[in-house]
Amino acid sequence: MDASQTELFSGPAPATSAHIHGHGHVHGADSPHPMQPPPWSILRMTLGARLLAAGAISVVLWAIVLLAMR
């Protein structure tokens, strides 16, 4: 390879560590972010709410089927 071909494979110059990131927090690789609670979970719904949601979904799906067969 000549000099112009080696430039293609060498890639960009490595970044220096003198630049500043806009991170608002600092932690090492051995301490990841703490787990955050999900905003919504089906597991937190009461049994009645789950049955009501399942019934509503069933009604919508049956409506789609009946409209498609029409």
Protein backbone atom coordinates (compact mmCIF):
# COMPACT_ATOMS: atom_id res chain seq x y z
CA MET A 1 0.00 0.00 0.00
CA ASP A 2 1.12 3.50 -0.63
CA ALA A 3 0.71 6.48 1.73
CA SER A 4 -2.72 7.53 0.38
CA GLN A 5 -4.17 4.04 0.99
CA THR A 6 -2.87 3.83 4.55
CA GLU A 7 -4.57 7.15 5.35
CA LEU A 8 -7.92 5.59 4.39
CA PHE A 9 -7.45 2.71 6.82
CA SER A 10 -5.93 4.64 9.70
CA GLY A 11 -9.18 6.44 10.54
CA PRO A 12 -9.51 9.77 12.31
CA ALA A 13 -7.04 10.92 14.90
CA PRO A 14 -7.90 9.74 18.42
CA ALA A 15 -9.73 12.26 20.57
CA THR A 16 -7.92 13.78 23.48
CA SER A 17 -9.33 13.58 26.98
CA ALA A 18 -9.16 17.35 27.39
CA HIS A 19 -12.65 17.98 26.01
CA ILE A 20 -15.69 18.45 28.25
CA HIS A 21 -18.84 16.35 28.11
CA GLY A 22 -22.23 17.81 28.95
CA HIS A 23 -23.02 15.06 31.46
CA GLY A 24 -24.70 16.12 34.66
CA HIS A 25 -23.41 13.11 36.58
CA VAL A 26 -20.28 11.08 36.96
CA HIS A 27 -19.95 7.41 37.76
CA GLY A 28 -17.56 4.64 36.95
CA ALA A 29 -18.18 1.59 34.82
CA ASP A 30 -18.45 -0.57 37.93
CA SER A 31 -21.39 1.47 39.30
CA PRO A 32 -24.19 1.69 36.68
CA HIS A 33 -27.29 3.84 36.97
CA PRO A 34 -29.68 2.82 39.74
CA MET A 35 -32.83 1.04 38.64
CA GLN A 36 -35.81 3.38 38.24
CA PRO A 37 -39.43 2.29 38.68
CA PRO A 38 -41.43 2.07 35.45
CA PRO A 39 -44.13 4.72 35.00
CA TRP A 40 -46.76 2.03 34.38
CA SER A 41 -46.88 -1.72 34.82
CA ILE A 42 -49.65 -4.25 34.22
CA LEU A 43 -48.41 -6.07 37.31
CA ARG A 44 -49.47 -3.11 39.46
CA MET A 45 -53.06 -3.23 38.17
CA THR A 46 -55.72 -4.84 40.32
CA LEU A 47 -57.37 -8.05 39.12
CA GLY A 48 -60.57 -6.18 38.29
CA ALA A 49 -58.69 -3.59 36.23
CA ARG A 50 -56.85 -6.34 34.34
CA LEU A 51 -60.10 -8.16 33.56
CA LEU A 52 -61.71 -4.91 32.44
CA ALA A 53 -58.75 -4.12 30.17
CA ALA A 54 -58.78 -7.65 28.72
CA GLY A 55 -62.52 -7.35 28.05
CA ALA A 56 -62.07 -3.99 26.33
CA ILE A 57 -59.28 -5.34 24.14
CA SER A 58 -61.41 -8.38 23.30
CA VAL A 59 -64.35 -6.17 22.27
CA VAL A 60 -62.10 -4.09 20.00
CA LEU A 61 -60.57 -7.18 18.37
CA TRP A 62 -64.00 -8.77 17.81
CA ALA A 63 -65.23 -5.50 16.27
CA ILE A 64 -62.30 -5.59 13.84
CA VAL A 65 -63.06 -9.23 12.94
CA LEU A 66 -66.78 -8.58 12.43
CA LEU A 67 -66.10 -5.50 10.32
CA ALA A 68 -63.63 -7.45 8.19
CA MET A 69 -66.18 -10.23 7.61
CA ARG A 70 -68.92 -7.77 6.66
